[in-house]
Amino acid sequence: MPDTGLLVIDMRPALLKDAHDGEARVAPVAKFADRARATGVPVFYQTAAKSRSHC
């Protein structure tokens, strides 16, 4: 297993819709992830989720 990986954090459409050029930011990240996979580097996706308060 390689000692290097690519971590992609919160590239969800819901977060990007209000960002400046949000849609334009997806393509470079996808391209970078494709290059990483092609060289055997694992790609991990992390999504932060808010939990609802039950109080």
PDB file of N, CA and C in Angstrom:
ATOM      1  N   MET A   1       0.856  -1.185   0.000  1.00  0.00           N
ATOM      2  CA  MET A   1       0.000   0.000   0.000  1.00  0.00           C
ATOM      3  C   MET A   1       0.895   1.239   0.000  1.00  0.00           C
ATOM      4  N   PRO A   2       0.603   2.184  -0.860  1.00  0.00           N
ATOM      5  CA  PRO A   2       1.430   3.391  -0.913  1.00  0.00           C
ATOM      6  C   PRO A   2       1.286   4.231   0.356  1.00  0.00           C
ATOM      7  N   ASP A   3       2.306   5.018   0.626  1.00  0.00           N
ATOM      8  CA  ASP A   3       2.250   5.883   1.808  1.00  0.00           C
ATOM      9  C   ASP A   3       1.730   7.270   1.460  1.00  0.00           C
ATOM     10  N   THR A   4       1.164   7.404   0.280  1.00  0.00           N
ATOM     11  CA  THR A   4       0.603   8.669  -0.185  1.00  0.00           C
ATOM     12  C   THR A   4      -0.819   8.435  -0.668  1.00  0.00           C
ATOM     13  N   GLY A   5      -1.678   9.384  -0.400  1.00  0.00           N
ATOM     14  CA  GLY A   5      -3.050   9.307  -0.877  1.00  0.00           C
ATOM     15  C   GLY A   5      -3.565  10.708  -1.144  1.00  0.00           C
ATOM     16  N   LEU A   6      -4.653  10.774  -1.863  1.00  0.00           N
ATOM     17  CA  LEU A   6      -5.301  12.049  -2.140  1.00  0.00           C
ATOM     18  C   LEU A   6      -6.604  12.083  -1.368  1.00  0.00           C
ATOM     19  N   LEU A   7      -6.789  13.117  -0.569  1.00  0.00           N
ATOM     20  CA  LEU A   7      -8.018  13.298   0.196  1.00  0.00           C
ATOM     21  C   LEU A   7      -8.790  14.468  -0.404  1.00  0.00           C
ATOM     22  N   VAL A   8     -10.000  14.187  -0.870  1.00  0.00           N
ATOM     23  CA  VAL A   8     -10.872  15.211  -1.435  1.00  0.00           C
ATOM     24  C   VAL A   8     -11.958  15.480  -0.409  1.00  0.00           C
ATOM     25  N   ILE A   9     -12.063  16.730   0.021  1.00  0.00           N
ATOM     26  CA  ILE A   9     -12.987  17.086   1.100  1.00  0.00           C
ATOM     27  C   ILE A   9     -14.117  17.967   0.585  1.00  0.00           C
ATOM     28  N   ASP A  10     -15.332  17.534   0.851  1.00  0.00           N
ATOM     29  CA  ASP A  10     -16.551  18.313   0.599  1.00  0.00           C
ATOM     30  C   ASP A  10     -16.633  18.952  -0.776  1.00  0.00           C
ATOM     31  N   MET A  11     -16.663  18.140  -1.796  1.00  0.00           N
ATOM     32  CA  MET A  11     -16.872  18.643  -3.153  1.00  0.00           C
ATOM     33  C   MET A  11     -18.322  18.387  -3.579  1.00  0.00           C
ATOM     34  N   ARG A  12     -19.230  18.481  -2.625  1.00  0.00           N
ATOM     35  CA  ARG A  12     -20.645  18.234  -2.908  1.00  0.00           C
ATOM     36  C   ARG A  12     -21.271  19.411  -3.650  1.00  0.00           C
ATOM     37  N   PRO A  13     -22.160  19.126  -4.564  1.00  0.00           N
ATOM     38  CA  PRO A  13     -22.831  20.203  -5.298  1.00  0.00           C
ATOM     39  C   PRO A  13     -23.529  21.201  -4.385  1.00  0.00           C
ATOM     40  N   ALA A  14     -24.096  20.753  -3.288  1.00  0.00           N
ATOM     41  CA  ALA A  14     -24.800  21.658  -2.379  1.00  0.00           C
ATOM     42  C   ALA A  14     -23.859  22.715  -1.811  1.00  0.00           C
ATOM     43  N   LEU A  15     -22.611  22.369  -1.600  1.00  0.00           N
ATOM     44  CA  LEU A  15     -21.649  23.331  -1.071  1.00  0.00           C
ATOM     45  C   LEU A  15     -21.075  24.214  -2.169  1.00  0.00           C
ATOM     46  N   LEU A  16     -20.967  23.673  -3.365  1.00  0.00           N
ATOM     47  CA  LEU A  16     -20.338  24.405  -4.451  1.00  0.00           C
ATOM     48  C   LEU A  16     -21.283  25.373  -5.165  1.00  0.00           C
ATOM     49  N   LYS A  17     -22.587  25.180  -5.007  1.00  0.00           N
ATOM     50  CA  LYS A  17     -23.530  26.009  -5.761  1.00  0.00           C
ATOM     51  C   LYS A  17     -23.423  27.489  -5.412  1.00  0.00           C
ATOM     52  N   ASP A  18     -23.053  27.810  -4.177  1.00  0.00           N
ATOM     53  CA  ASP A  18     -22.926  29.202  -3.763  1.00  0.00           C
ATOM     54  C   ASP A  18     -21.494  29.715  -3.828  1.00  0.00           C
ATOM     55  N   ALA A  19     -20.557  28.865  -4.159  1.00  0.00           N
ATOM     56  CA  ALA A  19     -19.151  29.270  -4.240  1.00  0.00           C
ATOM     57  C   ALA A  19     -18.892  29.981  -5.565  1.00  0.00           C
ATOM     58  N   HIS A  20     -17.954  30.884  -5.559  1.00  0.00           N
ATOM     59  CA  HIS A  20     -17.566  31.562  -6.798  1.00  0.00           C
ATOM     60  C   HIS A  20     -17.012  30.532  -7.765  1.00  0.00           C
ATOM     61  N   ASP A  21     -17.605  30.414  -8.925  1.00  0.00           N
ATOM     62  CA  ASP A  21     -17.195  29.436  -9.933  1.00  0.00           C
ATOM     63  C   ASP A  21     -17.165  28.012  -9.391  1.00  0.00           C
ATOM     64  N   GLY A  22     -18.150  27.680  -8.585  1.00  0.00           N
ATOM     65  CA  GLY A  22     -18.198  26.354  -7.967  1.00  0.00           C
ATOM     66  C   GLY A  22     -18.114  25.213  -8.958  1.00  0.00           C
ATOM     67  N   GLU A  23     -18.889  25.309 -10.038  1.00  0.00           N
ATOM     68  CA  GLU A  23     -18.870  24.254 -11.055  1.00  0.00           C
ATOM     69  C   GLU A  23     -17.497  24.131 -11.707  1.00  0.00           C
ATOM     70  N   ALA A  24     -16.823  25.247 -11.889  1.00  0.00           N
ATOM     71  CA  ALA A  24     -15.506  25.234 -12.526  1.00  0.00           C
ATOM     72  C   ALA A  24     -14.454  24.597 -11.636  1.00  0.00           C
ATOM     73  N   ARG A  25     -14.723  24.480 -10.364  1.00  0.00           N
ATOM     74  CA  ARG A  25     -13.760  23.896  -9.431  1.00  0.00           C
ATOM     75  C   ARG A  25     -13.801  22.368  -9.421  1.00  0.00           C
ATOM     76  N   VAL A  26     -14.873  21.802  -9.922  1.00  0.00           N
ATOM     77  CA  VAL A  26     -15.030  20.346  -9.907  1.00  0.00           C
ATOM     78  C   VAL A  26     -14.092  19.678 -10.910  1.00  0.00           C
ATOM     79  N   ALA A  27     -14.008  20.197 -12.120  1.00  0.00           N
ATOM     80  CA  ALA A  27     -13.209  19.558 -13.178  1.00  0.00           C
ATOM     81  C   ALA A  27     -11.739  19.388 -12.805  1.00  0.00           C
ATOM     82  N   PRO A  28     -11.053  20.406 -12.265  1.00  0.00           N
ATOM     83  CA  PRO A  28      -9.643  20.206 -11.915  1.00  0.00           C
ATOM     84  C   PRO A  28      -9.445  19.158 -10.810  1.00  0.00           C
ATOM     85  N   VAL A  29     -10.368  19.115  -9.869  1.00  0.00           N
ATOM     86  CA  VAL A  29     -10.260  18.121  -8.794  1.00  0.00           C
ATOM     87  C   VAL A  29     -10.462  16.719  -9.362  1.00  0.00           C
ATOM     88  N   ALA A  30     -11.441  16.563 -10.243  1.00  0.00           N
ATOM     89  CA  ALA A  30     -11.685  15.263 -10.873  1.00  0.00           C
ATOM     90  C   ALA A  30     -10.481  14.823 -11.706  1.00  0.00           C
ATOM     91  N   LYS A  31      -9.890  15.760 -12.425  1.00  0.00           N
ATOM     92  CA  LYS A  31      -8.712  15.442 -13.246  1.00  0.00           C
ATOM     93  C   LYS A  31      -7.544  15.000 -12.364  1.00  0.00           C
ATOM     94  N   PHE A  32      -7.346  15.708 -11.258  1.00  0.00           N
ATOM     95  CA  PHE A  32      -6.273  15.366 -10.327  1.00  0.00           C
ATOM     96  C   PHE A  32      -6.517  13.988  -9.719  1.00  0.00           C
ATOM     97  N   ALA A  33      -7.759  13.690  -9.368  1.00  0.00           N
ATOM     98  CA  ALA A  33      -8.099  12.379  -8.816  1.00  0.00           C
ATOM     99  C   ALA A  33      -7.854  11.283  -9.852  1.00  0.00           C
ATOM    100  N   ASP A  34      -8.208  11.535 -11.100  1.00  0.00           N
ATOM    101  CA  ASP A  34      -7.959  10.555 -12.169  1.00  0.00           C
ATOM    102  C   ASP A  34      -6.463  10.279 -12.328  1.00  0.00           C
ATOM    103  N   ARG A  35      -5.669  11.341 -12.288  1.00  0.00           N
ATOM    104  CA  ARG A  35      -4.210  11.172 -12.399  1.00  0.00           C
ATOM    105  C   ARG A  35      -3.662  10.380 -11.219  1.00  0.00           C
ATOM    106  N   ALA A  36      -4.167  10.663 -10.041  1.00  0.00           N
ATOM    107  CA  ALA A  36      -3.710   9.933  -8.856  1.00  0.00           C
ATOM    108  C   ALA A  36      -4.016   8.445  -9.008  1.00  0.00           C
ATOM    109  N   ARG A  37      -5.253   8.126  -9.370  1.00  0.00           N
ATOM    110  CA  ARG A  37      -5.637   6.714  -9.544  1.00  0.00           C
ATOM    111  C   ARG A  37      -4.784   6.028 -10.607  1.00  0.00           C
ATOM    112  N   ALA A  38      -4.501   6.745 -11.689  1.00  0.00           N
ATOM    113  CA  ALA A  38      -3.717   6.165 -12.792  1.00  0.00           C
ATOM    114  C   ALA A  38      -2.307   5.784 -12.358  1.00  0.00           C
ATOM    115  N   THR A  39      -1.802   6.442 -11.336  1.00  0.00           N
ATOM    116  CA  THR A  39      -0.454   6.133 -10.846  1.00  0.00           C
ATOM    117  C   THR A  39      -0.482   5.244  -9.603  1.00  0.00           C
ATOM    118  N   GLY A  40      -1.676   4.762  -9.243  1.00  0.00           N
ATOM    119  CA  GLY A  40      -1.791   3.848  -8.113  1.00  0.00           C
ATOM    120  C   GLY A  40      -1.973   4.529  -6.765  1.00  0.00           C
ATOM    121  N   VAL A  41      -2.179   5.832  -6.768  1.00  0.00           N
ATOM    122  CA  VAL A  41      -2.397   6.555  -5.509  1.00  0.00           C
ATOM    123  C   VAL A  41      -3.873   6.445  -5.150  1.00  0.00           C
ATOM    124  N   PRO A  42      -4.188   5.980  -3.948  1.00  0.00           N
ATOM    125  CA  PRO A  42      -5.589   5.873  -3.564  1.00  0.00           C
ATOM    126  C   PRO A  42      -6.221   7.255  -3.371  1.00  0.00           C
ATOM    127  N   VAL A  43      -7.492   7.349  -3.724  1.00  0.00           N
ATOM    128  CA  VAL A  43      -8.235   8.598  -3.577  1.00  0.00           C
ATOM    129  C   VAL A  43      -9.340   8.366  -2.560  1.00  0.00           C
ATOM    130  N   PHE A  44      -9.403   9.240  -1.579  1.00  0.00           N
ATOM    131  CA  PHE A  44     -10.398   9.152  -0.518  1.00  0.00           C
ATOM    132  C   PHE A  44     -11.277  10.397  -0.563  1.00  0.00           C
ATOM    133  N   TYR A  45     -12.560  10.204  -0.353  1.00  0.00           N
ATOM    134  CA  TYR A  45     -13.498  11.316  -0.335  1.00  0.00           C
ATOM    135  C   TYR A  45     -14.076  11.426   1.068  1.00  0.00           C
ATOM    136  N   GLN A  46     -14.042  12.626   1.616  1.00  0.00           N
ATOM    137  CA  GLN A  46     -14.573  12.870   2.960  1.00  0.00           C
ATOM    138  C   GLN A  46     -15.659  13.925   2.840  1.00  0.00           C
ATOM    139  N   THR A  47     -16.767  13.646   3.478  1.00  0.00           N
ATOM    140  CA  THR A  47     -17.877  14.587   3.495  1.00  0.00           C
ATOM    141  C   THR A  47     -18.230  14.887   4.938  1.00  0.00           C
ATOM    142  N   ALA A  48     -18.225  16.150   5.268  1.00  0.00           N
ATOM    143  CA  ALA A  48     -18.620  16.556   6.616  1.00  0.00           C
ATOM    144  C   ALA A  48     -20.134  16.621   6.665  1.00  0.00           C
ATOM    145  N   ALA A  49     -20.674  16.129   7.728  1.00  0.00           N
ATOM    146  CA  ALA A  49     -22.134  16.150   7.885  1.00  0.00           C
ATOM    147  C   ALA A  49     -22.469  16.792   9.233  1.00  0.00           C
ATOM    148  N   LYS A  50     -23.472  17.611   9.213  1.00  0.00           N
ATOM    149  CA  LYS A  50     -23.933  18.204  10.455  1.00  0.00           C
ATOM    150  C   LYS A  50     -24.951  17.280  11.075  1.00  0.00           C
ATOM    151  N   SER A  51     -24.831  17.098  12.368  1.00  0.00           N
ATOM    152  CA  SER A  51     -25.831  16.273  13.044  1.00  0.00           C
ATOM    153  C   SER A  51     -26.916  17.200  13.595  1.00  0.00           C
ATOM    154  N   ARG A  52     -28.100  16.704  13.629  1.00  0.00           N
ATOM    155  CA  ARG A  52     -29.220  17.489  14.168  1.00  0.00           C
ATOM    156  C   ARG A  52     -29.202  17.421  15.678  1.00  0.00           C
ATOM    157  N   SER A  53     -29.486  18.522  16.276  1.00  0.00           N
ATOM    158  CA  SER A  53     -29.575  18.564  17.735  1.00  0.00           C
ATOM    159  C   SER A  53     -30.933  17.994  18.140  1.00  0.00           C
ATOM    160  N   HIS A  54     -30.930  17.142  19.130  1.00  0.00           N
ATOM    161  CA  HIS A  54     -32.168  16.534  19.604  1.00  0.00           C
ATOM    162  C   HIS A  54     -32.662  17.195  20.866  1.00  0.00           C
ATOM    163  N   CYS A  55     -32.154  18.370  21.158  1.00  0.00           N
ATOM    164  CA  CYS A  55     -32.570  19.076  22.383  1.00  0.00           C
ATOM    165  C   CYS A  55     -33.691  20.024  22.112  1.00  0.00           C
TER     166      CYS A  55
END
